[in-house]
């Protein structure tokens, strides 16, 4: 399982996601979501369990990285910046 809290812990998240086989574009979106206060769950499972695990995760309000990235880019975001400060808890941003 790969996970991190917002803030300083996200610095290595981008590399960890890429090492796990996530595309560069999706890794930036996921890391940005964590920076904005979201949570990330990733699981490595046996191939025969993949469909069942995907169904469980899909039912738990997962996001589509392409759709979320489009929302971020619409607001001027260009990519994850590990040096950027996390959003304040009282600021509402799409995570």
PDB file of N, CA and C in Angstrom:
ATOM      1  N   UNK A   1       0.857  -1.178   0.000  1.00  0.00           N
ATOM      2  CA  UNK A   1       0.000   0.000   0.000  1.00  0.00           C
ATOM      3  C   UNK A   1       0.891   1.224   0.000  1.00  0.00           C
ATOM      4  N   UNK A   2       0.576   2.163  -0.883  1.00  0.00           N
ATOM      5  CA  UNK A   2       1.293   3.427  -0.933  1.00  0.00           C
ATOM      6  C   UNK A   2       0.364   4.479  -0.391  1.00  0.00           C
ATOM      7  N   UNK A   3       0.815   5.286   0.551  1.00  0.00           N
ATOM      8  CA  UNK A   3      -0.025   6.347   1.091  1.00  0.00           C
ATOM      9  C   UNK A   3       0.847   7.398   1.727  1.00  0.00           C
ATOM     10  N   UNK A   4       0.287   8.585   1.876  1.00  0.00           N
ATOM     11  CA  UNK A   4       1.035   9.661   2.507  1.00  0.00           C
ATOM     12  C   UNK A   4       0.071  10.718   2.997  1.00  0.00           C
ATOM     13  N   UNK A   5       0.497  11.454   3.973  1.00  0.00           N
ATOM     14  CA  UNK A   5      -0.286  12.588   4.462  1.00  0.00           C
ATOM     15  C   UNK A   5       0.121  13.816   3.670  1.00  0.00           C
ATOM     16  N   UNK A   6      -0.758  14.808   3.633  1.00  0.00           N
ATOM     17  CA  UNK A   6      -0.453  16.043   2.910  1.00  0.00           C
ATOM     18  C   UNK A   6       0.750  16.715   3.544  1.00  0.00           C
ATOM     19  N   UNK A   7       1.455  17.481   2.767  1.00  0.00           N
ATOM     20  CA  UNK A   7       2.588  18.212   3.291  1.00  0.00           C
ATOM     21  C   UNK A   7       3.894  17.566   2.910  1.00  0.00           C
ATOM     22  N   UNK A   8       4.839  17.548   3.850  1.00  0.00           N
ATOM     23  CA  UNK A   8       6.179  17.064   3.581  1.00  0.00           C
ATOM     24  C   UNK A   8       6.237  15.626   3.125  1.00  0.00           C
ATOM     25  N   UNK A   9       5.288  14.799   3.527  1.00  0.00           N
ATOM     26  CA  UNK A   9       5.343  13.383   3.170  1.00  0.00           C
ATOM     27  C   UNK A   9       5.121  13.143   1.689  1.00  0.00           C
ATOM     28  N   UNK A  10       4.598  14.127   0.959  1.00  0.00           N
ATOM     29  CA  UNK A  10       4.303  13.914  -0.450  1.00  0.00           C
ATOM     30  C   UNK A  10       5.541  14.007  -1.330  1.00  0.00           C
ATOM     31  N   UNK A  11       6.680  14.486  -0.814  1.00  0.00           N
ATOM     32  CA  UNK A  11       7.871  14.663  -1.626  1.00  0.00           C
ATOM     33  C   UNK A  11       8.289  13.406  -2.353  1.00  0.00           C
ATOM     34  N   UNK A  12       8.258  12.268  -1.703  1.00  0.00           N
ATOM     35  CA  UNK A  12       8.648  11.024  -2.319  1.00  0.00           C
ATOM     36  C   UNK A  12       7.501  10.280  -2.969  1.00  0.00           C
ATOM     37  N   UNK A  13       6.309  10.795  -2.831  1.00  0.00           N
ATOM     38  CA  UNK A  13       5.134  10.116  -3.360  1.00  0.00           C
ATOM     39  C   UNK A  13       5.164  10.033  -4.883  1.00  0.00           C
ATOM     40  N   UNK A  14       5.568  11.088  -5.533  1.00  0.00           N
ATOM     41  CA  UNK A  14       5.610  11.105  -7.000  1.00  0.00           C
ATOM     42  C   UNK A  14       6.506   9.982  -7.521  1.00  0.00           C
ATOM     43  N   UNK A  15       7.695   9.861  -6.970  1.00  0.00           N
ATOM     44  CA  UNK A  15       8.610   8.801  -7.393  1.00  0.00           C
ATOM     45  C   UNK A  15       8.073   7.418  -7.066  1.00  0.00           C
ATOM     46  N   UNK A  16       7.463   7.271  -5.896  1.00  0.00           N
ATOM     47  CA  UNK A  16       6.909   5.969  -5.500  1.00  0.00           C
ATOM     48  C   UNK A  16       5.799   5.542  -6.451  1.00  0.00           C
ATOM     49  N   UNK A  17       4.965   6.473  -6.847  1.00  0.00           N
ATOM     50  CA  UNK A  17       3.880   6.157  -7.780  1.00  0.00           C
ATOM     51  C   UNK A  17       4.439   5.725  -9.133  1.00  0.00           C
ATOM     52  N   UNK A  18       5.424   6.459  -9.619  1.00  0.00           N
ATOM     53  CA  UNK A  18       6.042   6.111 -10.903  1.00  0.00           C
ATOM     54  C   UNK A  18       6.716   4.742 -10.825  1.00  0.00           C
ATOM     55  N   UNK A  19       7.405   4.484  -9.700  1.00  0.00           N
ATOM     56  CA  UNK A  19       8.056   3.185  -9.517  1.00  0.00           C
ATOM     57  C   UNK A  19       7.037   2.052  -9.495  1.00  0.00           C
ATOM     58  N   UNK A  20       5.807   2.365  -9.060  1.00  0.00           N
ATOM     59  CA  UNK A  20       4.751   1.354  -8.987  1.00  0.00           C
ATOM     60  C   UNK A  20       4.042   1.175 -10.329  1.00  0.00           C
ATOM     61  N   UNK A  21       4.468   1.925 -11.352  1.00  0.00           N
ATOM     62  CA  UNK A  21       3.894   1.749 -12.676  1.00  0.00           C
ATOM     63  C   UNK A  21       2.814   2.748 -13.054  1.00  0.00           C
ATOM     64  N   UNK A  22       2.588   3.749 -12.209  1.00  0.00           N
ATOM     65  CA  UNK A  22       1.606   4.788 -12.535  1.00  0.00           C
ATOM     66  C   UNK A  22       2.231   5.719 -13.571  1.00  0.00           C
ATOM     67  N   UNK A  23       1.452   6.139 -14.558  1.00  0.00           N
ATOM     68  CA  UNK A  23       1.981   7.046 -15.577  1.00  0.00           C
ATOM     69  C   UNK A  23       2.401   8.364 -14.937  1.00  0.00           C
ATOM     70  N   UNK A  24       3.311   9.054 -15.585  1.00  0.00           N
ATOM     71  CA  UNK A  24       3.792  10.345 -15.083  1.00  0.00           C
ATOM     72  C   UNK A  24       2.625  11.309 -14.876  1.00  0.00           C
ATOM     73  N   UNK A  25       1.749  11.396 -15.870  1.00  0.00           N
ATOM     74  CA  UNK A  25       0.617  12.330 -15.786  1.00  0.00           C
ATOM     75  C   UNK A  25      -0.302  11.993 -14.609  1.00  0.00           C
ATOM     76  N   UNK A  26      -0.658  10.724 -14.458  1.00  0.00           N
ATOM     77  CA  UNK A  26      -1.527  10.323 -13.352  1.00  0.00           C
ATOM     78  C   UNK A  26      -0.827  10.506 -12.008  1.00  0.00           C
ATOM     79  N   UNK A  27       0.470  10.206 -11.939  1.00  0.00           N
ATOM     80  CA  UNK A  27       1.208  10.361 -10.689  1.00  0.00           C
ATOM     81  C   UNK A  27       1.168  11.808 -10.213  1.00  0.00           C
ATOM     82  N   UNK A  28       1.301  12.753 -11.135  1.00  0.00           N
ATOM     83  CA  UNK A  28       1.229  14.174 -10.762  1.00  0.00           C
ATOM     84  C   UNK A  28      -0.150  14.522 -10.199  1.00  0.00           C
ATOM     85  N   UNK A  29      -1.196  13.996 -10.816  1.00  0.00           N
ATOM     86  CA  UNK A  29      -2.557  14.276 -10.343  1.00  0.00           C
ATOM     87  C   UNK A  29      -2.774  13.675  -8.953  1.00  0.00           C
ATOM     88  N   UNK A  30      -2.374  12.434  -8.764  1.00  0.00           N
ATOM     89  CA  UNK A  30      -2.564  11.788  -7.462  1.00  0.00           C
ATOM     90  C   UNK A  30      -1.766  12.511  -6.373  1.00  0.00           C
ATOM     91  N   UNK A  31      -0.513  12.866  -6.647  1.00  0.00           N
ATOM     92  CA  UNK A  31       0.304  13.568  -5.658  1.00  0.00           C
ATOM     93  C   UNK A  31      -0.302  14.931  -5.336  1.00  0.00           C
ATOM     94  N   UNK A  32      -0.817  15.607  -6.346  1.00  0.00           N
ATOM     95  CA  UNK A  32      -1.462  16.904  -6.110  1.00  0.00           C
ATOM     96  C   UNK A  32      -2.709  16.736  -5.252  1.00  0.00           C
ATOM     97  N   UNK A  33      -3.464  15.676  -5.492  1.00  0.00           N
ATOM     98  CA  UNK A  33      -4.650  15.415  -4.677  1.00  0.00           C
ATOM     99  C   UNK A  33      -4.295  15.222  -3.215  1.00  0.00           C
ATOM    100  N   UNK A  34      -3.202  14.529  -2.947  1.00  0.00           N
ATOM    101  CA  UNK A  34      -2.745  14.353  -1.562  1.00  0.00           C
ATOM    102  C   UNK A  34      -2.325  15.700  -0.987  1.00  0.00           C
ATOM    103  N   UNK A  35      -1.614  16.501  -1.769  1.00  0.00           N
ATOM    104  CA  UNK A  35      -1.199  17.838  -1.302  1.00  0.00           C
ATOM    105  C   UNK A  35      -2.406  18.692  -0.948  1.00  0.00           C
ATOM    106  N   UNK A  36      -3.490  18.486  -1.658  1.00  0.00           N
ATOM    107  CA  UNK A  36      -4.713  19.257  -1.413  1.00  0.00           C
ATOM    108  C   UNK A  36      -5.572  18.654  -0.305  1.00  0.00           C
ATOM    109  N   UNK A  37      -5.069  17.642   0.349  1.00  0.00           N
ATOM    110  CA  UNK A  37      -5.773  17.090   1.504  1.00  0.00           C
ATOM    111  C   UNK A  37      -6.484  15.778   1.261  1.00  0.00           C
ATOM    112  N   UNK A  38      -6.365  15.241   0.061  1.00  0.00           N
ATOM    113  CA  UNK A  38      -7.016  13.978  -0.252  1.00  0.00           C
ATOM    114  C   UNK A  38      -6.225  12.787   0.275  1.00  0.00           C
ATOM    115  N   UNK A  39      -6.808  11.635   0.139  1.00  0.00           N
ATOM    116  CA  UNK A  39      -6.164  10.380   0.545  1.00  0.00           C
ATOM    117  C   UNK A  39      -5.894   9.550  -0.695  1.00  0.00           C
ATOM    118  N   UNK A  40      -4.894   8.718  -0.610  1.00  0.00           N
ATOM    119  CA  UNK A  40      -4.538   7.848  -1.719  1.00  0.00           C
ATOM    120  C   UNK A  40      -4.402   6.430  -1.209  1.00  0.00           C
ATOM    121  N   UNK A  41      -5.060   5.512  -1.895  1.00  0.00           N
ATOM    122  CA  UNK A  41      -4.937   4.094  -1.578  1.00  0.00           C
ATOM    123  C   UNK A  41      -4.495   3.386  -2.838  1.00  0.00           C
ATOM    124  N   UNK A  42      -3.453   2.605  -2.706  1.00  0.00           N
ATOM    125  CA  UNK A  42      -2.954   1.817  -3.814  1.00  0.00           C
ATOM    126  C   UNK A  42      -2.650   0.433  -3.269  1.00  0.00           C
ATOM    127  N   UNK A  43      -3.016  -0.579  -4.019  1.00  0.00           N
ATOM    128  CA  UNK A  43      -2.794  -1.948  -3.547  1.00  0.00           C
ATOM    129  C   UNK A  43      -2.200  -2.787  -4.661  1.00  0.00           C
ATOM    130  N   UNK A  44      -1.251  -3.603  -4.327  1.00  0.00           N
ATOM    131  CA  UNK A  44      -0.681  -4.565  -5.265  1.00  0.00           C
ATOM    132  C   UNK A  44      -1.320  -5.912  -4.932  1.00  0.00           C
ATOM    133  N   UNK A  45      -2.049  -6.473  -5.891  1.00  0.00           N
ATOM    134  CA  UNK A  45      -2.786  -7.716  -5.646  1.00  0.00           C
ATOM    135  C   UNK A  45      -2.483  -8.727  -6.744  1.00  0.00           C
ATOM    136  N   UNK A  46      -2.768  -9.985  -6.453  1.00  0.00           N
ATOM    137  CA  UNK A  46      -2.617 -11.027  -7.460  1.00  0.00           C
ATOM    138  C   UNK A  46      -3.581 -10.766  -8.608  1.00  0.00           C
ATOM    139  N   UNK A  47      -3.168 -11.127  -9.804  1.00  0.00           N
ATOM    140  CA  UNK A  47      -3.969 -10.886 -11.008  1.00  0.00           C
ATOM    141  C   UNK A  47      -5.383 -11.434 -10.872  1.00  0.00           C
ATOM    142  N   UNK A  48      -5.536 -12.610 -10.274  1.00  0.00           N
ATOM    143  CA  UNK A  48      -6.879 -13.204 -10.168  1.00  0.00           C
ATOM    144  C   UNK A  48      -7.794 -12.405  -9.245  1.00  0.00           C
ATOM    145  N   UNK A  49      -7.231 -11.541  -8.384  1.00  0.00           N
ATOM    146  CA  UNK A  49      -8.038 -10.723  -7.473  1.00  0.00           C
ATOM    147  C   UNK A  49      -8.250  -9.299  -7.979  1.00  0.00           C
ATOM    148  N   UNK A  50      -7.595  -8.936  -9.061  1.00  0.00           N
ATOM    149  CA  UNK A  50      -7.603  -7.549  -9.531  1.00  0.00           C
ATOM    150  C   UNK A  50      -9.004  -7.024  -9.801  1.00  0.00           C
ATOM    151  N   UNK A  51      -9.832  -7.758 -10.491  1.00  0.00           N
ATOM    152  CA  UNK A  51     -11.186  -7.293 -10.798  1.00  0.00           C
ATOM    153  C   UNK A  51     -12.012  -7.032  -9.554  1.00  0.00           C
ATOM    154  N   UNK A  52     -11.920  -7.938  -8.598  1.00  0.00           N
ATOM    155  CA  UNK A  52     -12.671  -7.787  -7.345  1.00  0.00           C
ATOM    156  C   UNK A  52     -12.186  -6.563  -6.563  1.00  0.00           C
ATOM    157  N   UNK A  53     -10.884  -6.367  -6.495  1.00  0.00           N
ATOM    158  CA  UNK A  53     -10.325  -5.221  -5.785  1.00  0.00           C
ATOM    159  C   UNK A  53     -10.714  -3.919  -6.480  1.00  0.00           C
ATOM    160  N   UNK A  54     -10.655  -3.899  -7.809  1.00  0.00           N
ATOM    161  CA  UNK A  54     -11.064  -2.705  -8.550  1.00  0.00           C
ATOM    162  C   UNK A  54     -12.524  -2.366  -8.276  1.00  0.00           C
ATOM    163  N   UNK A  55     -13.386  -3.362  -8.200  1.00  0.00           N
ATOM    164  CA  UNK A  55     -14.797  -3.124  -7.883  1.00  0.00           C
ATOM    165  C   UNK A  55     -14.959  -2.494  -6.510  1.00  0.00           C
ATOM    166  N   UNK A  56     -14.242  -3.014  -5.530  1.00  0.00           N
ATOM    167  CA  UNK A  56     -14.317  -2.458  -4.168  1.00  0.00           C
ATOM    168  C   UNK A  56     -13.857  -1.009  -4.161  1.00  0.00           C
ATOM    169  N   UNK A  57     -12.718  -0.727  -4.777  1.00  0.00           N
ATOM    170  CA  UNK A  57     -12.206   0.638  -4.792  1.00  0.00           C
ATOM    171  C   UNK A  57     -13.131   1.586  -5.554  1.00  0.00           C
ATOM    172  N   UNK A  58     -13.704   1.128  -6.638  1.00  0.00           N
ATOM    173  CA  UNK A  58     -14.611   1.955  -7.440  1.00  0.00           C
ATOM    174  C   UNK A  58     -15.842   2.362  -6.623  1.00  0.00           C
ATOM    175  N   UNK A  59     -16.326   1.461  -5.793  1.00  0.00           N
ATOM    176  CA  UNK A  59     -17.505   1.755  -4.960  1.00  0.00           C
ATOM    177  C   UNK A  59     -17.192   2.731  -3.830  1.00  0.00           C
ATOM    178  N   UNK A  60     -15.933   2.993  -3.578  1.00  0.00           N
ATOM    179  CA  UNK A  60     -15.543   3.844  -2.459  1.00  0.00           C
ATOM    180  C   UNK A  60     -15.197   5.271  -2.899  1.00  0.00           C
ATOM    181  N   UNK A  61     -15.867   5.772  -3.894  1.00  0.00           N
ATOM    182  CA  UNK A  61     -15.717   7.162  -4.347  1.00  0.00           C
ATOM    183  C   UNK A  61     -14.329   7.481  -4.880  1.00  0.00           C
ATOM    184  N   UNK A  62     -13.751   6.560  -5.614  1.00  0.00           N
ATOM    185  CA  UNK A  62     -12.465   6.824  -6.241  1.00  0.00           C
ATOM    186  C   UNK A  62     -12.600   7.896  -7.308  1.00  0.00           C
ATOM    187  N   UNK A  63     -11.487   8.442  -7.713  1.00  0.00           N
ATOM    188  CA  UNK A  63     -11.504   9.473  -8.746  1.00  0.00           C
ATOM    189  C   UNK A  63     -10.862   8.951 -10.022  1.00  0.00           C
ATOM    190  N   UNK A  64     -11.184   9.588 -11.106  1.00  0.00           N
ATOM    191  CA  UNK A  64     -10.539   9.325 -12.385  1.00  0.00           C
ATOM    192  C   UNK A  64      -9.454  10.393 -12.549  1.00  0.00           C
ATOM    193  N   UNK A  65      -8.208   9.977 -12.667  1.00  0.00           N
ATOM    194  CA  UNK A  65      -7.096  10.925 -12.721  1.00  0.00           C
ATOM    195  C   UNK A  65      -7.208  11.887 -13.898  1.00  0.00           C
ATOM    196  N   UNK A  66      -7.678  11.419 -15.038  1.00  0.00           N
ATOM    197  CA  UNK A  66      -7.789  12.305 -16.210  1.00  0.00           C
ATOM    198  C   UNK A  66      -8.820  13.409 -15.966  1.00  0.00           C
ATOM    199  N   UNK A  67      -9.950  13.034 -15.383  1.00  0.00           N
ATOM    200  CA  UNK A  67     -10.993  14.023 -15.096  1.00  0.00           C
ATOM    201  C   UNK A  67     -10.520  15.008 -14.039  1.00  0.00           C
ATOM    202  N   UNK A  68      -9.911  14.484 -12.963  1.00  0.00           N
ATOM    203  CA  UNK A  68      -9.436  15.358 -11.887  1.00  0.00           C
ATOM    204  C   UNK A  68      -8.332  16.268 -12.385  1.00  0.00           C
ATOM    205  N   UNK A  69      -7.411  15.746 -13.192  1.00  0.00           N
ATOM    206  CA  UNK A  69      -6.346  16.567 -13.752  1.00  0.00           C
ATOM    207  C   UNK A  69      -6.893  17.690 -14.614  1.00  0.00           C
ATOM    208  N   UNK A  70      -7.951  17.419 -15.372  1.00  0.00           N
ATOM    209  CA  UNK A  70      -8.574  18.459 -16.202  1.00  0.00           C
ATOM    210  C   UNK A  70      -9.136  19.576 -15.331  1.00  0.00           C
ATOM    211  N   UNK A  71      -9.728  19.214 -14.203  1.00  0.00           N
ATOM    212  CA  UNK A  71     -10.259  20.229 -13.271  1.00  0.00           C
ATOM    213  C   UNK A  71      -9.105  21.067 -12.724  1.00  0.00           C
ATOM    214  N   UNK A  72      -8.025  20.416 -12.301  1.00  0.00           N
ATOM    215  CA  UNK A  72      -6.866  21.150 -11.785  1.00  0.00           C
ATOM    216  C   UNK A  72      -6.303  22.088 -12.853  1.00  0.00           C
ATOM    217  N   UNK A  73      -6.137  21.581 -14.084  1.00  0.00           N
ATOM    218  CA  UNK A  73      -5.563  22.404 -15.159  1.00  0.00           C
ATOM    219  C   UNK A  73      -6.472  23.577 -15.522  1.00  0.00           C
ATOM    220  N   UNK A  74      -7.777  23.372 -15.457  1.00  0.00           N
ATOM    221  CA  UNK A  74      -8.720  24.457 -15.732  1.00  0.00           C
ATOM    222  C   UNK A  74      -8.486  25.640 -14.786  1.00  0.00           C
ATOM    223  N   UNK A  75      -8.049  25.334 -13.573  1.00  0.00           N
ATOM    224  CA  UNK A  75      -7.792  26.367 -12.575  1.00  0.00           C
ATOM    225  C   UNK A  75      -6.347  26.866 -12.592  1.00  0.00           C
ATOM    226  N   UNK A  76      -5.570  26.459 -13.617  1.00  0.00           N
ATOM    227  CA  UNK A  76      -4.217  26.971 -13.784  1.00  0.00           C
ATOM    228  C   UNK A  76      -3.097  26.067 -13.305  1.00  0.00           C
ATOM    229  N   UNK A  77      -3.420  24.902 -12.776  1.00  0.00           N
ATOM    230  CA  UNK A  77      -2.407  23.968 -12.292  1.00  0.00           C
ATOM    231  C   UNK A  77      -1.658  23.376 -13.475  1.00  0.00           C
ATOM    232  N   UNK A  78      -0.336  23.221 -13.343  1.00  0.00           N
ATOM    233  CA  UNK A  78       0.448  22.651 -14.432  1.00  0.00           C
ATOM    234  C   UNK A  78       1.156  21.365 -14.049  1.00  0.00           C
ATOM    235  N   UNK A  79       1.194  21.023 -12.776  1.00  0.00           N
ATOM    236  CA  UNK A  79       1.837  19.792 -12.336  1.00  0.00           C
ATOM    237  C   UNK A  79       2.147  19.859 -10.857  1.00  0.00           C
ATOM    238  N   UNK A  80       2.393  18.707 -10.280  1.00  0.00           N
ATOM    239  CA  UNK A  80       2.703  18.618  -8.856  1.00  0.00           C
ATOM    240  C   UNK A  80       4.037  19.285  -8.565  1.00  0.00           C
ATOM    241  N   UNK A  81       4.063  20.096  -7.522  1.00  0.00           N
ATOM    242  CA  UNK A  81       5.282  20.766  -7.075  1.00  0.00           C
ATOM    243  C   UNK A  81       5.520  20.342  -5.633  1.00  0.00           C
ATOM    244  N   UNK A  82       6.521  19.491  -5.420  1.00  0.00           N
ATOM    245  CA  UNK A  82       6.752  18.967  -4.076  1.00  0.00           C
ATOM    246  C   UNK A  82       7.158  20.041  -3.084  1.00  0.00           C
ATOM    247  N   UNK A  83       7.545  21.217  -3.565  1.00  0.00           N
ATOM    248  CA  UNK A  83       7.937  22.308  -2.666  1.00  0.00           C
ATOM    249  C   UNK A  83       6.762  23.215  -2.308  1.00  0.00           C
ATOM    250  N   UNK A  84       5.630  23.032  -2.972  1.00  0.00           N
ATOM    251  CA  UNK A  84       4.461  23.868  -2.675  1.00  0.00           C
ATOM    252  C   UNK A  84       3.886  23.489  -1.319  1.00  0.00           C
ATOM    253  N   UNK A  85       3.407  24.494  -0.621  1.00  0.00           N
ATOM    254  CA  UNK A  85       2.807  24.268   0.699  1.00  0.00           C
ATOM    255  C   UNK A  85       1.475  23.543   0.539  1.00  0.00           C
ATOM    256  N   UNK A  86       1.114  22.729   1.520  1.00  0.00           N
ATOM    257  CA  UNK A  86      -0.217  22.085   1.459  1.00  0.00           C
ATOM    258  C   UNK A  86      -1.290  23.162   1.615  1.00  0.00           C
ATOM    259  N   UNK A  87      -2.465  22.872   1.128  1.00  0.00           N
ATOM    260  CA  UNK A  87      -3.580  23.796   1.301  1.00  0.00           C
ATOM    261  C   UNK A  87      -3.966  23.841   2.765  1.00  0.00           C
ATOM    262  N   UNK A  88      -4.425  25.002   3.217  1.00  0.00           N
ATOM    263  CA  UNK A  88      -4.908  25.144   4.589  1.00  0.00           C
ATOM    264  C   UNK A  88      -6.188  24.339   4.733  1.00  0.00           C
ATOM    265  N   UNK A  89      -6.442  23.832   5.923  1.00  0.00           N
ATOM    266  CA  UNK A  89      -7.613  22.984   6.175  1.00  0.00           C
ATOM    267  C   UNK A  89      -8.919  23.707   5.894  1.00  0.00           C
ATOM    268  N   UNK A  90      -8.938  25.035   6.017  1.00  0.00           N
ATOM    269  CA  UNK A  90     -10.188  25.772   5.824  1.00  0.00           C
ATOM    270  C   UNK A  90     -10.409  26.226   4.385  1.00  0.00           C
ATOM    271  N   UNK A  91      -9.514  25.843   3.476  1.00  0.00           N
ATOM    272  CA  UNK A  91      -9.656  26.203   2.064  1.00  0.00           C
ATOM    273  C   UNK A  91     -10.262  25.023   1.326  1.00  0.00           C
ATOM    274  N   UNK A  92     -11.367  25.263   0.649  1.00  0.00           N
ATOM    275  CA  UNK A  92     -12.014  24.201  -0.096  1.00  0.00           C
ATOM    276  C   UNK A  92     -11.433  24.152  -1.499  1.00  0.00           C
ATOM    277  N   UNK A  93     -10.846  23.029  -1.841  1.00  0.00           N
ATOM    278  CA  UNK A  93     -10.274  22.794  -3.169  1.00  0.00           C
ATOM    279  C   UNK A  93     -10.688  21.404  -3.594  1.00  0.00           C
ATOM    280  N   UNK A  94     -10.943  21.209  -4.883  1.00  0.00           N
ATOM    281  CA  UNK A  94     -11.227  19.841  -5.318  1.00  0.00           C
ATOM    282  C   UNK A  94     -10.001  18.968  -5.111  1.00  0.00           C
ATOM    283  N   UNK A  95     -10.150  17.905  -4.350  1.00  0.00           N
ATOM    284  CA  UNK A  95      -9.033  16.996  -4.123  1.00  0.00           C
ATOM    285  C   UNK A  95      -9.205  15.827  -5.030  1.00  0.00           C
TER     286      UNK A  95
END
